Amino acid sequence: MSNPLLRVALVQNRATPDSAATVAALREQIREATRAGATLIALPEACEFLHGDTFEFARHARTVEEHPAAHGLREAAREACAWILVGSLSVRAANGQLANRSILISPQGEIRATYDKINLFDAHPDDTQKESLESRLYQRGATAVVVDIGPAVLGLTVCYDLRFPQLYRALAQAGANVLTVPSAFHPVTGAAHWHTLLRARAIETGCFVLAPAQCGVPHAGRENFGHSLIVNPWGEIVAEAGIAPEVIVADLDMGEVDAARRRIPSILQNYEFSVTKA
């Protein structure tokens, strides 16, 4: 008997400071994904709001329960009768701090799981731009999240998490067979590392990797890399977007996960060791 297929769609968009207009455009892309038959639709990091002034993120943030974008995307999930991964929203956490939060919405429009980004982007990727210090805006998440959606088990991550392979190994060992990496990658690091890192995380874990990405220029002083990717457990690129808003679709054969792990069972091999400095 052949393995069931999971049809997934990645939405590549360009968020702007106009959240309402961005959500409206996202909902049209979600309808496109639904017409293509996708039952899991993944959106990028910061999918509905990007602004050049850091203070505006704090002003824009709401609790998930009060967040207009969360309400609109829950309606979109019900309309599509599909799982929707909201790559991330700027939300106000229970303690009042801001979090960069990924939200998984069920086909019934219910929030099934959330994940707060653990590895915050404190880096200086380009000498022509100022250093990015995401930790000044958001509190760091402390818990990795795996969620069973029936045809697949998702491991949730966000963007800069991609550079920390131990997180992906832990998610795979906890049962994940599909890893999500919604992102808003910088063009310099995107050109240098995006494809390599995503393929490496797939190869290391024997998982499918879904990486919906932001593209284009959302506001003065920022540009996003685009190139949303779907990668199979053998590290092969199944589908790739360009540099403009679009929707890419692929069928995932979950049997490929078992096949890759039989061939290279590294995810099952754990050896304790110490490091000594000679």
Protein backbone atom coordinates (compact mmCIF):
# COMPACT_ATOMS: atom_id res chain seq x y z
CA MET A 1 0.00 0.00 0.00
CA SER A 2 1.35 3.43 -0.94
CA ASN A 3 1.83 6.06 1.73
CA PRO A 4 -0.71 8.89 1.97
CA LEU A 5 0.29 12.21 0.44
CA LEU A 6 0.10 15.51 2.27
CA ARG A 7 -0.43 18.41 -0.13
CA VAL A 8 1.27 21.51 1.24
CA ALA A 9 1.42 25.10 0.04
CA LEU A 10 3.92 27.77 0.99
CA VAL A 11 2.79 31.37 0.74
CA GLN A 12 5.55 33.82 -0.15
CA ASN A 13 4.47 37.40 0.51
CA ARG A 14 5.67 40.93 1.16
CA ALA A 15 4.40 42.25 4.48
CA THR A 16 4.13 46.02 4.88
CA PRO A 17 3.34 48.50 7.67
CA ASP A 18 -0.33 48.26 6.55
CA SER A 19 -1.43 45.15 8.42
CA ALA A 20 -5.02 45.12 7.18
CA ALA A 21 -3.98 45.31 3.53
CA THR A 22 -1.32 42.64 4.07
CA VAL A 23 -3.80 40.25 5.70
CA ALA A 24 -6.25 40.80 2.85
CA ALA A 25 -3.53 39.89 0.34
CA LEU A 26 -2.56 36.85 2.43
CA ARG A 27 -6.14 35.64 2.46
CA GLU A 28 -6.27 35.80 -1.32
CA GLN A 29 -3.06 33.75 -1.50
CA ILE A 30 -4.59 31.26 0.95
CA ARG A 31 -7.59 30.95 -1.38
CA GLU A 32 -5.18 30.22 -4.23
CA ALA A 33 -3.53 27.51 -2.14
CA THR A 34 -6.94 26.06 -1.31
CA ARG A 35 -7.91 25.94 -4.99
CA ALA A 36 -4.70 23.95 -5.55
CA GLY A 37 -5.90 21.39 -2.99
CA ALA A 38 -3.46 22.16 -0.15
CA THR A 39 -4.49 20.94 3.30
CA LEU A 40 -1.48 22.51 5.08
CA ILE A 41 -0.73 26.13 4.17
CA ALA A 42 2.36 27.81 5.67
CA LEU A 43 2.98 31.57 5.86
CA PRO A 44 6.29 33.39 6.49
CA GLU A 45 7.72 34.97 9.60
CA ALA A 46 6.22 38.39 10.42
CA CYS A 47 3.71 37.56 7.71
CA GLU A 48 1.34 40.47 8.30
CA PHE A 49 3.44 43.39 9.55
CA LEU A 50 6.91 44.80 8.94
CA HIS A 51 7.92 48.35 9.83
CA GLY A 52 11.14 50.34 9.80
CA ASP A 53 10.56 51.68 13.32
CA THR A 54 11.08 49.08 16.05
CA PHE A 55 8.74 50.99 18.37
CA GLU A 56 5.89 50.32 15.96
CA PHE A 57 6.14 46.56 16.61
CA ALA A 58 5.47 47.20 20.29
CA ARG A 59 2.56 49.49 19.43
CA HIS A 60 1.15 46.94 16.96
CA ALA A 61 1.43 43.86 19.21
CA ARG A 62 -1.67 42.39 20.86
CA THR A 63 -2.39 39.20 22.72
CA VAL A 64 -3.26 36.38 20.34
CA GLU A 65 -6.87 36.54 21.53
CA GLU A 66 -7.10 40.26 20.67
CA HIS A 67 -4.89 40.27 17.54
CA PRO A 68 -6.84 41.30 14.41
CA ALA A 69 -4.49 39.34 12.14
CA ALA A 70 -4.96 36.19 14.22
CA HIS A 71 -8.74 36.60 13.94
CA GLY A 72 -8.55 37.09 10.18
CA LEU A 73 -6.29 34.10 9.64
CA ARG A 74 -8.45 31.88 11.85
CA GLU A 75 -11.37 32.81 9.60
CA ALA A 76 -9.20 31.99 6.59
CA ALA A 77 -8.46 28.51 8.01
CA ARG A 78 -12.17 27.82 8.48
CA GLU A 79 -12.90 29.09 4.98
CA ALA A 80 -10.13 26.93 3.51
CA CYS A 81 -10.87 23.94 5.75
CA ALA A 82 -7.09 23.57 5.98
CA TRP A 83 -4.32 23.78 8.54
CA ILE A 84 -2.66 27.19 8.46
CA LEU A 85 0.75 27.83 9.95
CA VAL A 86 0.98 31.53 10.72
CA GLY A 87 4.76 31.82 10.41
CA SER A 88 4.85 34.44 13.13
CA LEU A 89 3.07 37.47 14.56
CA SER A 90 4.34 40.06 17.01
CA VAL A 91 2.22 39.30 20.05
CA ARG A 92 1.94 40.45 23.63
CA ALA A 93 2.71 37.50 25.91
CA ALA A 94 0.95 36.78 29.20
CA ASN A 95 3.69 38.60 31.14
CA GLY A 96 3.31 41.71 28.99
CA GLN A 97 6.53 41.16 27.03
CA LEU A 98 6.62 40.86 23.24
CA ALA A 99 7.10 37.49 21.56
CA ASN A 100 7.80 36.50 17.96
CA ARG A 101 5.18 33.73 17.91
CA SER A 102 4.37 31.05 15.36
CA ILE A 103 0.74 29.89 15.47
CA LEU A 104 -0.76 26.70 14.06
CA ILE A 105 -4.48 26.98 13.27
CA SER A 106 -6.69 23.94 12.68
CA PRO A 107 -9.15 23.56 9.78
CA GLN A 108 -11.87 24.47 12.31
CA GLY A 109 -10.14 27.80 13.00
CA GLU A 110 -8.91 26.80 16.46
CA ILE A 111 -5.39 27.54 17.69
CA ARG A 112 -3.79 24.10 17.91
CA ALA A 113 -0.25 25.10 18.98
CA THR A 114 2.05 28.09 19.40
CA TYR A 115 5.83 28.44 19.44
CA ASP A 116 7.86 31.46 20.57
CA LYS A 117 11.11 31.92 18.65
CA ILE A 118 14.01 30.66 20.76
CA ASN A 119 17.03 31.92 18.82
CA LEU A 120 16.63 35.66 18.29
CA PHE A 121 18.44 37.41 15.45
CA ASP A 122 21.26 39.36 17.07
CA ALA A 123 23.67 39.71 14.15
CA HIS A 124 25.31 42.09 11.71
CA PRO A 125 24.88 40.43 8.31
CA ASP A 126 25.81 43.38 6.10
CA ASP A 127 28.34 46.17 6.64
CA THR A 128 25.99 48.58 4.85
CA GLN A 129 23.24 48.16 7.47
CA LYS A 130 23.07 48.57 11.22
CA GLU A 131 23.30 45.59 13.54
CA SER A 132 20.04 43.73 14.17
CA LEU A 133 19.26 43.08 17.83
CA GLU A 134 15.99 41.18 17.92
CA SER A 135 16.49 40.40 21.62
CA ARG A 136 15.91 44.08 22.41
CA LEU A 137 12.38 43.72 21.07
CA TYR A 138 11.27 40.18 21.90
CA GLN A 139 11.62 37.86 24.85
CA ARG A 140 13.25 34.56 23.97
CA GLY A 141 11.14 31.42 23.85
CA ALA A 142 12.20 28.51 26.03
CA THR A 143 10.22 25.53 24.74
CA ALA A 144 10.49 23.61 21.47
CA VAL A 145 7.17 22.42 20.04
CA VAL A 146 6.11 19.30 18.14
CA VAL A 147 2.47 18.93 17.04
CA ASP A 148 0.66 15.99 15.41
CA ILE A 149 -1.74 17.05 12.64
CA GLY A 150 -2.62 13.51 11.53
CA PRO A 151 -0.81 13.01 8.20
CA ALA A 152 2.38 14.54 9.63
CA VAL A 153 4.06 15.62 12.85
CA LEU A 154 5.32 19.19 12.64
CA GLY A 155 8.35 20.62 14.40
CA LEU A 156 7.93 24.39 14.72
CA THR A 157 10.81 26.84 14.32
CA VAL A 158 11.29 30.41 13.05
CA CYS A 159 13.98 31.89 10.76
CA TYR A 160 17.23 32.38 12.76
CA ASP A 161 16.56 29.07 14.53
CA LEU A 162 17.82 27.56 11.26
CA ARG A 163 21.42 28.14 12.38
CA PHE A 164 21.05 25.94 15.47
CA PRO A 165 20.99 22.30 14.29
CA GLN A 166 20.61 20.89 17.79
CA LEU A 167 17.04 22.27 17.86
CA TYR A 168 16.10 20.36 14.71
CA ARG A 169 17.68 17.14 15.92
CA ALA A 170 15.68 17.43 19.15
CA LEU A 171 12.44 18.03 17.22
CA ALA A 172 13.05 15.03 14.97
CA GLN A 173 13.90 12.80 17.94
CA ALA A 174 10.64 13.97 19.57
CA GLY A 175 8.72 12.65 16.56
CA ALA A 176 8.69 15.44 13.99
CA ASN A 177 8.84 14.38 10.34
CA VAL A 178 8.11 17.83 8.86
CA LEU A 179 10.10 20.86 10.03
CA THR A 180 8.73 24.35 9.47
CA VAL A 181 11.06 27.33 9.06
CA PRO A 182 8.98 30.44 8.29
CA SER A 183 11.45 33.22 7.59
CA ALA A 184 12.26 36.78 6.59
CA PHE A 185 15.87 36.26 5.49
CA HIS A 186 18.28 39.06 4.65
CA PRO A 187 19.44 39.01 0.97
CA VAL A 188 23.15 38.78 1.86
CA THR A 189 22.80 35.79 4.17
CA GLY A 190 20.05 34.37 1.99
CA ALA A 191 22.30 34.22 -1.05
CA ALA A 192 25.13 32.74 1.01
CA HIS A 193 23.38 30.28 3.33
CA TRP A 194 19.61 29.81 2.79
CA HIS A 195 19.65 26.80 0.47
CA THR A 196 22.61 25.14 2.17
CA LEU A 197 21.20 25.38 5.70
CA LEU A 198 17.70 24.22 4.78
CA ARG A 199 19.04 21.22 2.85
CA ALA A 200 21.40 20.40 5.72
CA ARG A 201 18.58 20.42 8.30
CA ALA A 202 16.58 18.03 6.08
CA ILE A 203 19.55 15.69 5.56
CA GLU A 204 20.56 15.67 9.24
CA THR A 205 17.07 14.80 10.47
CA GLY A 206 15.55 12.84 7.58
CA CYS A 207 12.60 15.27 7.61
CA PHE A 208 10.76 17.32 5.05
CA VAL A 209 11.53 21.02 5.50
CA LEU A 210 8.98 23.74 4.69
CA ALA A 211 10.41 27.25 4.54
CA PRO A 212 7.92 29.95 3.52
CA ALA A 213 9.69 33.28 3.17
CA GLN A 214 9.14 37.01 2.88
CA CYS A 215 10.21 38.70 -0.33
CA GLY A 216 10.70 42.18 -1.73
CA VAL A 217 11.01 45.57 -0.04
CA PRO A 218 8.45 46.05 2.76
CA HIS A 219 9.70 49.52 3.69
CA ALA A 220 12.71 51.77 3.15
CA GLY A 221 15.90 50.22 4.48
CA ARG A 222 14.86 46.57 4.33
CA GLU A 223 14.78 43.87 1.68
CA ASN A 224 13.85 40.18 1.98
CA PHE A 225 15.40 37.28 0.09
CA GLY A 226 12.34 35.26 -0.98
CA HIS A 227 13.10 31.81 -2.45
CA SER A 228 10.61 29.87 -0.30
CA LEU A 229 11.68 26.22 -0.35
CA ILE A 230 10.25 22.74 0.11
CA VAL A 231 13.01 20.19 0.71
CA ASN A 232 12.61 16.42 0.94
CA PRO A 233 14.28 14.16 3.57
CA TRP A 234 17.14 13.35 1.18
CA GLY A 235 17.98 17.05 0.92
CA GLU A 236 16.55 17.56 -2.56
CA ILE A 237 14.65 20.74 -3.41
CA VAL A 238 11.09 19.79 -4.34
CA ALA A 239 9.77 23.30 -5.04
CA GLU A 240 11.21 26.82 -4.93
CA ALA A 241 9.70 30.27 -5.27
CA GLY A 242 11.36 33.23 -6.93
CA ILE A 243 11.68 36.75 -5.55
CA ALA A 244 8.07 37.93 -5.94
CA PRO A 245 4.90 37.01 -4.02
CA GLU A 246 3.64 33.57 -5.06
CA VAL A 247 2.31 30.25 -3.81
CA ILE A 248 4.22 26.99 -4.30
CA VAL A 249 2.61 23.58 -3.84
CA ALA A 250 3.94 20.04 -3.42
CA ASP A 251 2.75 16.60 -2.37
CA LEU A 252 4.73 15.11 0.52
CA ASP A 253 5.00 11.31 0.59
CA MET A 254 5.64 10.66 4.27
CA GLY A 255 7.14 7.27 3.39
CA GLU A 256 10.19 9.19 2.19
CA VAL A 257 11.01 10.01 5.81
CA ASP A 258 11.30 6.34 6.80
CA ALA A 259 13.24 5.58 3.61
CA ALA A 260 15.80 8.32 4.25
CA ARG A 261 16.24 7.29 7.88
CA ARG A 262 16.75 3.66 6.92
CA ARG A 263 19.48 4.67 4.49
CA ILE A 264 21.22 7.06 6.92
CA PRO A 265 20.00 6.37 10.48
CA SER A 266 22.01 9.16 12.13
CA ILE A 267 18.93 10.59 13.85
CA LEU A 268 18.65 7.33 15.80
CA GLN A 269 22.33 7.14 16.72
CA ASN A 270 23.25 8.95 19.92
CA TYR A 271 26.68 8.71 21.48
CA GLU A 272 27.89 10.53 24.55
CA PHE A 273 31.25 12.23 24.30
CA SER A 274 33.31 14.93 25.90
CA VAL A 275 35.49 17.61 24.37
CA THR A 276 39.05 18.20 25.44
CA LYS A 277 41.27 21.08 24.40
CA ALA A 278 44.72 19.76 23.47
